[in-house]
Amino acid sequence: MTSIEPYILGSGAASKAIQKSLSIVDVLNPSWGIAKPHLLKRNQKLKDLSPKKNSVLFLANPHSLHSDSIQEAEQAGFSWVLCEKPAAVSLEQLKTLEQVKIPVAVFHGYRQTWGIQTLKKMLEAGDLGAWITIEGRYWQSSAGHKKQSGDTQKTWKDDIALSGAYDVLLDLTTHWADLVFFLAGETPEKVGVWKAFVNSTSPHRDTHNHISMEFSQNRRSMGSISKTAHGSGNDLEIHVIGEKRSVSWAFMNPDELVIGEGGKRMTQHRPDGSSFGSEQYPFHSTGWLEGYVEIIKQYFHHMRGEAFTAYPNLKDQSMILRSLFQK
């Protein structure tokens, strides 16, 4: 008997990631009865679907359509929605989302990895002493590569009506800000964003950001976020500097934390049998799908009325986007 009936709106890379992640969740939890997802085209009218109590909608359409789709889903009778980030591309869209009553998950998967979750617990336990700053980078090379190769082909991100008025700010910087907000455990008192457009394929597409945040007790965060850092892969690094210890995590080595204390350094590995994400053995993870899998698992626990751990949600997303848009 089918217990969960998924619908996926969109057909690009995010849609495929969701489909793969659903398959993994189904393998790990066969008793949940996850049906083969209904794949919906971008222009599908949600009101025509007549969702059931066990229906769940995944939004993987272009950025600027997310806000309207969430509202349309609720009006159509969906009680369960998971959305690709960002959930909105402007303050105006954020205001309209304030009326949404259904629980909405947002796919900020990096915070759901073992390393970041473990680092959060260390901070809460005071293992680092008072933390001073959270710093790092998130570098990719797609914009620089495209410009240097002479590729002039346009995509939906070159259409401001579909992408919103930014590129790196909405795509990568939202991930960075989500990690910092999550680890800091509070909303910053001040946020500064510097945007560069070197190697941009369209006037609105920023290619490099510097983001600074000021927190209570004179604590800071600084991040370098780029799509034009030549030669980069998906280079995401977080360094938390504390009074007693410093801890570093890198997405390229997601199952380890590097811990510094005085002049010493040690490495903590993800233990065998960890239930995070795909539940693969340490260092055999499924890359950034780990976060997708973990969010879907916890959301489905919620949907089934079972105990669940916190997942990125619409309230979290609103705090992040407000901080970024107002600067």
C-alpha atoms as a PDB file:
ATOM      1  CA  MET A   1       0.000   0.000   0.000  1.00  0.00           C
ATOM      2  CA  THR A   2       1.313   3.431  -0.952  1.00  0.00           C
ATOM      3  CA  SER A   3       1.822   5.601   2.126  1.00  0.00           C
ATOM      4  CA  ILE A   4       3.639   8.560   0.511  1.00  0.00           C
ATOM      5  CA  GLU A   5       2.795   9.899  -2.946  1.00  0.00           C
ATOM      6  CA  PRO A   6       5.493  12.311  -4.230  1.00  0.00           C
ATOM      7  CA  TYR A   7       5.046  14.952  -6.919  1.00  0.00           C
ATOM      8  CA  ILE A   8       8.098  16.740  -8.353  1.00  0.00           C
ATOM      9  CA  LEU A   9       7.637  20.065 -10.151  1.00  0.00           C
ATOM     10  CA  GLY A  10      10.602  20.692 -12.471  1.00  0.00           C
ATOM     11  CA  SER A  11      12.899  18.642 -14.692  1.00  0.00           C
ATOM     12  CA  GLY A  12      16.448  19.966 -14.236  1.00  0.00           C
ATOM     13  CA  ALA A  13      19.390  18.942 -12.065  1.00  0.00           C
ATOM     14  CA  ALA A  14      17.523  19.623  -8.816  1.00  0.00           C
ATOM     15  CA  SER A  15      14.640  17.405  -9.934  1.00  0.00           C
ATOM     16  CA  LYS A  16      17.032  14.570 -10.706  1.00  0.00           C
ATOM     17  CA  ALA A  17      18.729  15.006  -7.305  1.00  0.00           C
ATOM     18  CA  ILE A  18      15.357  14.735  -5.593  1.00  0.00           C
ATOM     19  CA  GLN A  19      14.459  11.630  -7.588  1.00  0.00           C
ATOM     20  CA  LYS A  20      17.746   9.941  -6.660  1.00  0.00           C
ATOM     21  CA  SER A  21      17.352  10.903  -3.012  1.00  0.00           C
ATOM     22  CA  LEU A  22      13.803   9.555  -2.881  1.00  0.00           C
ATOM     23  CA  SER A  23      15.096   6.240  -4.208  1.00  0.00           C
ATOM     24  CA  ILE A  24      17.687   6.068  -1.419  1.00  0.00           C
ATOM     25  CA  VAL A  25      15.104   6.931   1.240  1.00  0.00           C
ATOM     26  CA  ASP A  26      12.849   4.211  -0.159  1.00  0.00           C
ATOM     27  CA  VAL A  27      15.662   1.635   0.076  1.00  0.00           C
ATOM     28  CA  LEU A  28      16.377   2.645   3.676  1.00  0.00           C
ATOM     29  CA  ASN A  29      12.702   2.697   4.686  1.00  0.00           C
ATOM     30  CA  PRO A  30      10.760   0.251   2.476  1.00  0.00           C
ATOM     31  CA  SER A  31       7.849   0.100   4.932  1.00  0.00           C
ATOM     32  CA  TRP A  32       7.036   3.749   4.212  1.00  0.00           C
ATOM     33  CA  GLY A  33       5.603   2.790   0.821  1.00  0.00           C
ATOM     34  CA  ILE A  34       7.080   5.641  -1.216  1.00  0.00           C
ATOM     35  CA  ALA A  35       5.437   5.601  -4.647  1.00  0.00           C
ATOM     36  CA  LYS A  36       7.210   6.389  -7.908  1.00  0.00           C
ATOM     37  CA  PRO A  37       7.096  10.199  -8.145  1.00  0.00           C
ATOM     38  CA  HIS A  38       4.778  12.025 -10.508  1.00  0.00           C
ATOM     39  CA  LEU A  39       6.998  14.291 -12.655  1.00  0.00           C
ATOM     40  CA  LEU A  40       5.334  17.625 -13.381  1.00  0.00           C
ATOM     41  CA  LYS A  41       6.271  20.206 -16.003  1.00  0.00           C
ATOM     42  CA  ARG A  42       7.050  23.773 -15.003  1.00  0.00           C
ATOM     43  CA  ASN A  43       3.685  25.111 -16.195  1.00  0.00           C
ATOM     44  CA  GLN A  44       1.576  22.472 -14.404  1.00  0.00           C
ATOM     45  CA  LYS A  45      -1.436  23.972 -12.624  1.00  0.00           C
ATOM     46  CA  LEU A  46      -1.300  22.558  -9.115  1.00  0.00           C
ATOM     47  CA  LYS A  47      -5.007  23.129  -8.537  1.00  0.00           C
ATOM     48  CA  ASP A  48      -5.724  20.416 -11.142  1.00  0.00           C
ATOM     49  CA  LEU A  49      -3.924  17.669  -9.154  1.00  0.00           C
ATOM     50  CA  SER A  50      -6.412  16.989  -6.322  1.00  0.00           C
ATOM     51  CA  PRO A  51      -3.731  15.960  -3.782  1.00  0.00           C
ATOM     52  CA  LYS A  52      -4.509  13.407  -1.087  1.00  0.00           C
ATOM     53  CA  LYS A  53      -3.532  13.385   2.570  1.00  0.00           C
ATOM     54  CA  ASN A  54      -0.391  11.366   1.731  1.00  0.00           C
ATOM     55  CA  SER A  55       0.648  13.599  -1.196  1.00  0.00           C
ATOM     56  CA  VAL A  56       3.895  15.549  -0.920  1.00  0.00           C
ATOM     57  CA  LEU A  57       5.139  18.153  -3.395  1.00  0.00           C
ATOM     58  CA  PHE A  58       8.797  18.812  -4.236  1.00  0.00           C
ATOM     59  CA  LEU A  59       9.575  22.153  -5.906  1.00  0.00           C
ATOM     60  CA  ALA A  60      12.528  22.061  -8.303  1.00  0.00           C
ATOM     61  CA  ASN A  61      11.440  24.777 -10.720  1.00  0.00           C
ATOM     62  CA  PRO A  62      13.378  28.054 -11.293  1.00  0.00           C
ATOM     63  CA  HIS A  63      14.118  30.276  -8.304  1.00  0.00           C
ATOM     64  CA  SER A  64      11.639  33.086  -8.880  1.00  0.00           C
ATOM     65  CA  LEU A  65       8.750  30.615  -9.228  1.00  0.00           C
ATOM     66  CA  HIS A  66       9.217  29.011  -5.801  1.00  0.00           C
ATOM     67  CA  SER A  67       7.244  31.564  -3.806  1.00  0.00           C
ATOM     68  CA  ASP A  68       4.155  31.393  -6.015  1.00  0.00           C
ATOM     69  CA  SER A  69       4.398  27.594  -6.207  1.00  0.00           C
ATOM     70  CA  ILE A  70       4.424  27.241  -2.406  1.00  0.00           C
ATOM     71  CA  GLN A  71       1.304  29.370  -2.119  1.00  0.00           C
ATOM     72  CA  GLU A  72      -0.418  27.600  -5.021  1.00  0.00           C
ATOM     73  CA  ALA A  73       0.413  24.241  -3.462  1.00  0.00           C
ATOM     74  CA  GLU A  74      -1.222  25.202  -0.183  1.00  0.00           C
ATOM     75  CA  GLN A  75      -4.286  26.552  -1.994  1.00  0.00           C
ATOM     76  CA  ALA A  76      -4.491  23.350  -4.066  1.00  0.00           C
ATOM     77  CA  GLY A  77      -4.685  21.250  -0.909  1.00  0.00           C
ATOM     78  CA  PHE A  78      -1.083  20.080  -0.430  1.00  0.00           C
ATOM     79  CA  SER A  79      -0.208  19.805   3.252  1.00  0.00           C
ATOM     80  CA  TRP A  80       3.430  18.847   2.677  1.00  0.00           C
ATOM     81  CA  VAL A  81       5.951  20.764   0.522  1.00  0.00           C
ATOM     82  CA  LEU A  82       9.736  20.614   0.145  1.00  0.00           C
ATOM     83  CA  CYS A  83      11.377  23.406  -1.832  1.00  0.00           C
ATOM     84  CA  GLU A  84      14.730  23.987  -3.485  1.00  0.00           C
ATOM     85  CA  LYS A  85      16.489  27.072  -2.171  1.00  0.00           C
ATOM     86  CA  PRO A  86      15.883  29.941  -2.337  1.00  0.00           C
ATOM     87  CA  ALA A  87      12.210  29.991  -1.381  1.00  0.00           C
ATOM     88  CA  ALA A  88      11.987  33.602  -2.585  1.00  0.00           C
ATOM     89  CA  VAL A  89      14.039  36.042  -4.647  1.00  0.00           C
ATOM     90  CA  SER A  90      12.868  39.358  -3.152  1.00  0.00           C
ATOM     91  CA  LEU A  91      11.515  40.961   0.011  1.00  0.00           C
ATOM     92  CA  GLU A  92       8.141  41.253  -1.697  1.00  0.00           C
ATOM     93  CA  GLN A  93       7.984  37.494  -2.238  1.00  0.00           C
ATOM     94  CA  LEU A  94       9.055  36.871   1.360  1.00  0.00           C
ATOM     95  CA  LYS A  95       6.157  38.983   2.613  1.00  0.00           C
ATOM     96  CA  THR A  96       3.659  36.880   0.672  1.00  0.00           C
ATOM     97  CA  LEU A  97       5.112  33.690   2.185  1.00  0.00           C
ATOM     98  CA  GLU A  98       4.368  34.916   5.708  1.00  0.00           C
ATOM     99  CA  GLN A  99       0.783  33.721   5.220  1.00  0.00           C
ATOM    100  CA  VAL A 100       1.773  30.114   4.472  1.00  0.00           C
ATOM    101  CA  LYS A 101       0.607  27.765   7.232  1.00  0.00           C
ATOM    102  CA  ILE A 102       1.829  24.350   6.033  1.00  0.00           C
ATOM    103  CA  PRO A 103       5.309  23.076   7.019  1.00  0.00           C
ATOM    104  CA  VAL A 104       7.785  23.751   4.206  1.00  0.00           C
ATOM    105  CA  ALA A 105      11.281  22.219   4.119  1.00  0.00           C
ATOM    106  CA  VAL A 106      14.057  24.006   2.212  1.00  0.00           C
ATOM    107  CA  PHE A 107      16.918  22.038   0.675  1.00  0.00           C
ATOM    108  CA  HIS A 108      19.889  23.554   2.502  1.00  0.00           C
ATOM    109  CA  GLY A 109      21.539  20.163   2.652  1.00  0.00           C
ATOM    110  CA  TYR A 110      25.029  21.088   3.807  1.00  0.00           C
ATOM    111  CA  ARG A 111      23.866  21.768   7.347  1.00  0.00           C
ATOM    112  CA  GLN A 112      22.400  18.243   7.461  1.00  0.00           C
ATOM    113  CA  THR A 113      25.758  16.518   6.950  1.00  0.00           C
ATOM    114  CA  TRP A 114      27.496  14.630   9.757  1.00  0.00           C
ATOM    115  CA  GLY A 115      30.350  17.136  10.025  1.00  0.00           C
ATOM    116  CA  ILE A 116      28.206  20.242  10.426  1.00  0.00           C
ATOM    117  CA  GLN A 117      25.758  18.524  12.776  1.00  0.00           C
ATOM    118  CA  THR A 118      28.648  17.321  14.942  1.00  0.00           C
ATOM    119  CA  LEU A 119      30.267  20.758  14.927  1.00  0.00           C
ATOM    120  CA  LYS A 120      26.958  22.279  16.050  1.00  0.00           C
ATOM    121  CA  LYS A 121      26.818  19.873  19.009  1.00  0.00           C
ATOM    122  CA  MET A 122      30.406  20.784  19.928  1.00  0.00           C
ATOM    123  CA  LEU A 123      29.507  24.474  19.945  1.00  0.00           C
ATOM    124  CA  GLU A 124      26.412  23.891  22.063  1.00  0.00           C
ATOM    125  CA  ALA A 125      28.433  21.801  24.537  1.00  0.00           C
ATOM    126  CA  GLY A 126      31.045  24.566  24.867  1.00  0.00           C
ATOM    127  CA  ASP A 127      33.844  22.328  23.557  1.00  0.00           C
ATOM    128  CA  LEU A 128      35.408  25.292  21.731  1.00  0.00           C
ATOM    129  CA  GLY A 129      34.919  27.706  24.597  1.00  0.00           C
ATOM    130  CA  ALA A 130      33.510  31.015  23.416  1.00  0.00           C
ATOM    131  CA  TRP A 131      33.602  31.069  19.627  1.00  0.00           C
ATOM    132  CA  ILE A 132      35.159  34.167  18.066  1.00  0.00           C
ATOM    133  CA  THR A 133      34.594  33.916  14.338  1.00  0.00           C
ATOM    134  CA  ILE A 134      33.234  31.630  11.617  1.00  0.00           C
ATOM    135  CA  GLU A 135      35.178  31.986   8.395  1.00  0.00           C
ATOM    136  CA  GLY A 136      35.706  30.170   5.128  1.00  0.00           C
ATOM    137  CA  ARG A 137      34.881  30.006   1.475  1.00  0.00           C
ATOM    138  CA  TYR A 138      32.562  28.466  -1.080  1.00  0.00           C
ATOM    139  CA  TRP A 139      34.280  28.492  -4.460  1.00  0.00           C
ATOM    140  CA  GLN A 140      33.196  27.179  -7.842  1.00  0.00           C
ATOM    141  CA  SER A 141      34.558  27.989 -11.295  1.00  0.00           C
ATOM    142  CA  SER A 142      31.478  27.803 -13.556  1.00  0.00           C
ATOM    143  CA  ALA A 143      31.297  31.512 -14.456  1.00  0.00           C
ATOM    144  CA  GLY A 144      35.031  31.820 -15.095  1.00  0.00           C
ATOM    145  CA  HIS A 145      35.083  28.601 -17.117  1.00  0.00           C
ATOM    146  CA  LYS A 146      32.128  29.636 -19.256  1.00  0.00           C
ATOM    147  CA  LYS A 147      33.596  33.072 -20.017  1.00  0.00           C
ATOM    148  CA  GLN A 148      37.080  31.726 -20.801  1.00  0.00           C
ATOM    149  CA  SER A 149      35.699  28.974 -23.057  1.00  0.00           C
ATOM    150  CA  GLY A 150      33.672  31.452 -25.108  1.00  0.00           C
ATOM    151  CA  ASP A 151      30.385  29.706 -24.324  1.00  0.00           C
ATOM    152  CA  THR A 152      27.574  32.188 -25.069  1.00  0.00           C
ATOM    153  CA  GLN A 153      24.625  29.841 -24.628  1.00  0.00           C
ATOM    154  CA  LYS A 154      21.940  31.320 -22.394  1.00  0.00           C
ATOM    155  CA  THR A 155      20.178  29.396 -19.613  1.00  0.00           C
ATOM    156  CA  TRP A 156      17.176  30.123 -17.390  1.00  0.00           C
ATOM    157  CA  LYS A 157      19.517  31.888 -14.977  1.00  0.00           C
ATOM    158  CA  ASP A 158      20.099  34.555 -17.636  1.00  0.00           C
ATOM    159  CA  ASP A 159      16.356  35.319 -17.539  1.00  0.00           C
ATOM    160  CA  ILE A 160      15.791  37.609 -14.565  1.00  0.00           C
ATOM    161  CA  ALA A 161      12.082  36.707 -14.557  1.00  0.00           C
ATOM    162  CA  LEU A 162      13.038  33.110 -13.734  1.00  0.00           C
ATOM    163  CA  SER A 163      16.269  33.508 -11.763  1.00  0.00           C
ATOM    164  CA  GLY A 164      15.641  36.638  -9.749  1.00  0.00           C
ATOM    165  CA  ALA A 165      17.984  39.610  -9.684  1.00  0.00           C
ATOM    166  CA  TYR A 166      21.107  37.712  -8.526  1.00  0.00           C
ATOM    167  CA  ASP A 167      23.114  34.561  -9.172  1.00  0.00           C
ATOM    168  CA  VAL A 168      25.810  33.778  -6.570  1.00  0.00           C
ATOM    169  CA  LEU A 169      23.856  35.582  -3.844  1.00  0.00           C
ATOM    170  CA  LEU A 170      20.829  33.316  -4.301  1.00  0.00           C
ATOM    171  CA  ASP A 171      22.607  30.120  -5.290  1.00  0.00           C
ATOM    172  CA  LEU A 172      25.758  29.823  -3.152  1.00  0.00           C
ATOM    173  CA  THR A 173      25.670  32.653  -0.608  1.00  0.00           C
ATOM    174  CA  THR A 174      22.329  31.431   0.744  1.00  0.00           C
ATOM    175  CA  HIS A 175      24.047  28.098   1.507  1.00  0.00           C
ATOM    176  CA  TRP A 176      26.907  29.893   3.254  1.00  0.00           C
ATOM    177  CA  ALA A 177      24.570  32.092   5.274  1.00  0.00           C
ATOM    178  CA  ASP A 178      22.465  29.081   6.276  1.00  0.00           C
ATOM    179  CA  LEU A 179      25.555  27.349   7.661  1.00  0.00           C
ATOM    180  CA  VAL A 180      26.667  30.408   9.609  1.00  0.00           C
ATOM    181  CA  PHE A 181      23.197  31.117  11.026  1.00  0.00           C
ATOM    182  CA  PHE A 182      22.857  27.455  12.016  1.00  0.00           C
ATOM    183  CA  LEU A 183      26.246  27.219  13.722  1.00  0.00           C
ATOM    184  CA  ALA A 184      26.015  30.629  15.401  1.00  0.00           C
ATOM    185  CA  GLY A 185      22.535  29.855  16.721  1.00  0.00           C
ATOM    186  CA  GLU A 186      21.395  33.436  16.332  1.00  0.00           C
ATOM    187  CA  THR A 187      20.540  36.065  13.736  1.00  0.00           C
ATOM    188  CA  PRO A 188      23.400  38.494  13.051  1.00  0.00           C
ATOM    189  CA  GLU A 189      23.040  42.098  14.132  1.00  0.00           C
ATOM    190  CA  LYS A 190      24.549  43.346  10.887  1.00  0.00           C
ATOM    191  CA  VAL A 191      25.226  41.810   7.475  1.00  0.00           C
ATOM    192  CA  GLY A 192      27.365  43.226   4.681  1.00  0.00           C
ATOM    193  CA  VAL A 193      27.443  41.840   1.138  1.00  0.00           C
ATOM    194  CA  TRP A 194      29.854  42.878  -1.595  1.00  0.00           C
ATOM    195  CA  LYS A 195      29.084  41.669  -5.116  1.00  0.00           C
ATOM    196  CA  ALA A 196      31.345  41.486  -8.174  1.00  0.00           C
ATOM    197  CA  PHE A 197      30.204  40.801 -11.742  1.00  0.00           C
ATOM    198  CA  VAL A 198      33.481  39.882 -13.454  1.00  0.00           C
ATOM    199  CA  ASN A 199      32.914  37.123 -16.057  1.00  0.00           C
ATOM    200  CA  SER A 200      29.140  37.549 -15.813  1.00  0.00           C
ATOM    201  CA  THR A 201      27.070  36.331 -18.766  1.00  0.00           C
ATOM    202  CA  SER A 202      24.167  38.681 -17.952  1.00  0.00           C
ATOM    203  CA  PRO A 203      24.145  42.064 -16.172  1.00  0.00           C
ATOM    204  CA  HIS A 204      22.207  40.800 -13.131  1.00  0.00           C
ATOM    205  CA  ARG A 205      24.360  37.702 -12.522  1.00  0.00           C
ATOM    206  CA  ASP A 206      26.875  38.429  -9.757  1.00  0.00           C
ATOM    207  CA  THR A 207      29.833  36.038  -9.878  1.00  0.00           C
ATOM    208  CA  HIS A 208      31.642  36.675  -6.581  1.00  0.00           C
ATOM    209  CA  ASN A 209      30.508  37.760  -3.103  1.00  0.00           C
ATOM    210  CA  HIS A 210      32.186  38.725   0.137  1.00  0.00           C
ATOM    211  CA  ILE A 211      29.802  38.433   3.076  1.00  0.00           C
ATOM    212  CA  SER A 212      30.452  39.682   6.587  1.00  0.00           C
ATOM    213  CA  MET A 213      28.242  39.264   9.649  1.00  0.00           C
ATOM    214  CA  GLU A 214      28.384  40.819  13.094  1.00  0.00           C
ATOM    215  CA  PHE A 215      26.920  38.900  16.028  1.00  0.00           C
ATOM    216  CA  SER A 216      26.411  39.667  19.693  1.00  0.00           C
ATOM    217  CA  GLN A 217      29.442  39.758  22.007  1.00  0.00           C
ATOM    218  CA  ASN A 218      31.625  41.190  19.219  1.00  0.00           C
ATOM    219  CA  ARG A 219      31.694  37.918  17.267  1.00  0.00           C
ATOM    220  CA  ARG A 220      32.097  37.915  13.496  1.00  0.00           C
ATOM    221  CA  SER A 221      31.815  35.842  10.339  1.00  0.00           C
ATOM    222  CA  MET A 222      33.535  36.331   6.995  1.00  0.00           C
ATOM    223  CA  GLY A 223      33.014  34.333   3.809  1.00  0.00           C
ATOM    224  CA  SER A 224      34.312  34.373   0.251  1.00  0.00           C
ATOM    225  CA  ILE A 225      31.766  32.934  -2.190  1.00  0.00           C
ATOM    226  CA  SER A 226      32.482  32.588  -5.899  1.00  0.00           C
ATOM    227  CA  LYS A 227      31.554  31.111  -9.252  1.00  0.00           C
ATOM    228  CA  THR A 228      34.584  32.616 -10.923  1.00  0.00           C
ATOM    229  CA  ALA A 229      37.393  31.174  -8.784  1.00  0.00           C
ATOM    230  CA  HIS A 230      39.304  29.491 -11.603  1.00  0.00           C
ATOM    231  CA  GLY A 231      40.163  25.836 -11.144  1.00  0.00           C
ATOM    232  CA  SER A 232      37.770  25.308  -8.235  1.00  0.00           C
ATOM    233  CA  GLY A 233      35.393  22.369  -7.892  1.00  0.00           C
ATOM    234  CA  ASN A 234      32.759  22.551  -5.171  1.00  0.00           C
ATOM    235  CA  ASP A 235      35.134  23.910  -2.561  1.00  0.00           C
ATOM    236  CA  LEU A 236      33.156  24.648   0.579  1.00  0.00           C
ATOM    237  CA  GLU A 237      35.093  25.112   3.826  1.00  0.00           C
ATOM    238  CA  ILE A 238      34.026  26.226   7.306  1.00  0.00           C
ATOM    239  CA  HIS A 239      36.497  27.230  10.042  1.00  0.00           C
ATOM    240  CA  VAL A 240      35.201  28.014  13.526  1.00  0.00           C
ATOM    241  CA  ILE A 241      37.804  29.696  15.742  1.00  0.00           C
ATOM    242  CA  GLY A 242      37.079  29.395  19.424  1.00  0.00           C
ATOM    243  CA  GLU A 243      38.711  30.393  22.692  1.00  0.00           C
ATOM    244  CA  LYS A 244      39.871  26.829  23.508  1.00  0.00           C
ATOM    245  CA  ARG A 245      39.745  25.045  20.153  1.00  0.00           C
ATOM    246  CA  SER A 246      39.357  25.636  16.442  1.00  0.00           C
ATOM    247  CA  VAL A 247      37.446  23.236  14.197  1.00  0.00           C
ATOM    248  CA  SER A 248      37.445  22.969  10.408  1.00  0.00           C
ATOM    249  CA  TRP A 249      35.124  21.123   8.027  1.00  0.00           C
ATOM    250  CA  ALA A 250      35.381  20.799   4.240  1.00  0.00           C
ATOM    251  CA  PHE A 251      32.751  19.418   1.900  1.00  0.00           C
ATOM    252  CA  MET A 252      35.429  17.563  -0.070  1.00  0.00           C
ATOM    253  CA  ASN A 253      36.097  15.552   3.140  1.00  0.00           C
ATOM    254  CA  PRO A 254      32.608  15.603   4.672  1.00  0.00           C
ATOM    255  CA  ASP A 255      33.171  12.746   7.119  1.00  0.00           C
ATOM    256  CA  GLU A 256      35.942  14.355   9.133  1.00  0.00           C
ATOM    257  CA  LEU A 257      36.512  17.333  11.384  1.00  0.00           C
ATOM    258  CA  VAL A 258      39.984  18.786  11.906  1.00  0.00           C
ATOM    259  CA  ILE A 259      40.316  19.977  15.504  1.00  0.00           C
ATOM    260  CA  GLY A 260      43.089  22.262  16.690  1.00  0.00           C
ATOM    261  CA  GLU A 261      44.001  22.840  20.342  1.00  0.00           C
ATOM    262  CA  GLY A 262      47.006  24.983  21.106  1.00  0.00           C
ATOM    263  CA  GLY A 263      49.791  23.686  18.861  1.00  0.00           C
ATOM    264  CA  LYS A 264      48.179  20.273  18.395  1.00  0.00           C
ATOM    265  CA  ARG A 265      45.878  19.024  15.672  1.00  0.00           C
ATOM    266  CA  MET A 266      43.709  15.900  15.530  1.00  0.00           C
ATOM    267  CA  THR A 267      41.112  14.497  13.121  1.00  0.00           C
ATOM    268  CA  GLN A 268      37.716  13.191  14.201  1.00  0.00           C
ATOM    269  CA  HIS A 269      36.058  10.794  11.758  1.00  0.00           C
ATOM    270  CA  ARG A 270      32.411   9.949  11.280  1.00  0.00           C
ATOM    271  CA  PRO A 271      31.831   6.662  13.115  1.00  0.00           C
ATOM    272  CA  ASP A 272      30.722   3.448  11.426  1.00  0.00           C
ATOM    273  CA  GLY A 273      26.992   2.883  11.655  1.00  0.00           C
ATOM    274  CA  SER A 274      26.100   6.572  11.579  1.00  0.00           C
ATOM    275  CA  SER A 275      22.456   7.048  10.633  1.00  0.00           C
ATOM    276  CA  PHE A 276      22.975  10.325   8.799  1.00  0.00           C
ATOM    277  CA  GLY A 277      21.839  10.692   5.213  1.00  0.00           C
ATOM    278  CA  SER A 278      22.348   7.635   3.004  1.00  0.00           C
ATOM    279  CA  GLU A 279      23.795   5.642   5.947  1.00  0.00           C
ATOM    280  CA  GLN A 280      26.816   4.748   3.835  1.00  0.00           C
ATOM    281  CA  TYR A 281      30.066   3.868   5.556  1.00  0.00           C
ATOM    282  CA  PRO A 282      32.306   6.854   6.358  1.00  0.00           C
ATOM    283  CA  PHE A 283      34.108   8.289   3.304  1.00  0.00           C
ATOM    284  CA  HIS A 284      31.664   6.477   0.981  1.00  0.00           C
ATOM    285  CA  SER A 285      28.992   9.163   1.073  1.00  0.00           C
ATOM    286  CA  THR A 286      26.787  10.257  -1.802  1.00  0.00           C
ATOM    287  CA  GLY A 287      28.190  13.800  -1.982  1.00  0.00           C
ATOM    288  CA  TRP A 288      25.699  16.631  -1.700  1.00  0.00           C
ATOM    289  CA  LEU A 289      22.821  14.160  -2.027  1.00  0.00           C
ATOM    290  CA  GLU A 290      23.521  13.288   1.624  1.00  0.00           C
ATOM    291  CA  GLY A 291      21.806  16.474   2.691  1.00  0.00           C
ATOM    292  CA  TYR A 292      18.841  15.896   0.387  1.00  0.00           C
ATOM    293  CA  VAL A 293      18.392  12.393   1.778  1.00  0.00           C
ATOM    294  CA  GLU A 294      18.598  13.534   5.397  1.00  0.00           C
ATOM    295  CA  ILE A 295      16.110  16.375   4.911  1.00  0.00           C
ATOM    296  CA  ILE A 296      13.629  14.075   3.136  1.00  0.00           C
ATOM    297  CA  LYS A 297      14.009  11.433   5.871  1.00  0.00           C
ATOM    298  CA  GLN A 298      13.312  13.879   8.683  1.00  0.00           C
ATOM    299  CA  TYR A 299      10.479  15.560   6.792  1.00  0.00           C
ATOM    300  CA  PHE A 300       8.823  12.197   6.130  1.00  0.00           C
ATOM    301  CA  HIS A 301       9.155  11.325   9.834  1.00  0.00           C
ATOM    302  CA  HIS A 302       7.324  14.588  10.510  1.00  0.00           C
ATOM    303  CA  MET A 303       4.740  13.788   7.852  1.00  0.00           C
ATOM    304  CA  ARG A 304       4.140  10.349   9.386  1.00  0.00           C
ATOM    305  CA  GLY A 305       3.618  11.796  12.855  1.00  0.00           C
ATOM    306  CA  GLU A 306       6.894  10.340  14.170  1.00  0.00           C
ATOM    307  CA  ALA A 307       9.751  11.914  16.112  1.00  0.00           C
ATOM    308  CA  PHE A 308      12.053  13.927  13.836  1.00  0.00           C
ATOM    309  CA  THR A 309      15.083  16.158  14.099  1.00  0.00           C
ATOM    310  CA  ALA A 310      14.973  19.743  12.885  1.00  0.00           C
ATOM    311  CA  TYR A 311      15.330  20.379   9.166  1.00  0.00           C
ATOM    312  CA  PRO A 312      15.827  23.685   7.301  1.00  0.00           C
ATOM    313  CA  ASN A 313      12.419  25.330   7.003  1.00  0.00           C
ATOM    314  CA  LEU A 314      10.649  28.382   5.680  1.00  0.00           C
ATOM    315  CA  LYS A 315      11.204  30.392   8.870  1.00  0.00           C
ATOM    316  CA  ASP A 316      14.961  29.742   8.703  1.00  0.00           C
ATOM    317  CA  GLN A 317      14.975  30.705   5.041  1.00  0.00           C
ATOM    318  CA  SER A 318      13.097  33.935   5.680  1.00  0.00           C
ATOM    319  CA  MET A 319      15.638  35.118   8.284  1.00  0.00           C
ATOM    320  CA  ILE A 320      18.529  34.396   5.924  1.00  0.00           C
ATOM    321  CA  LEU A 321      17.009  36.041   2.853  1.00  0.00           C
ATOM    322  CA  ARG A 322      15.901  39.133   4.763  1.00  0.00           C
ATOM    323  CA  SER A 323      19.464  39.642   5.957  1.00  0.00           C
ATOM    324  CA  LEU A 324      20.839  39.284   2.423  1.00  0.00           C
ATOM    325  CA  PHE A 325      18.197  41.324   0.559  1.00  0.00           C
ATOM    326  CA  GLN A 326      18.287  44.309   2.878  1.00  0.00           C
ATOM    327  CA  LYS A 327      21.967  44.954   2.168  1.00  0.00           C
END
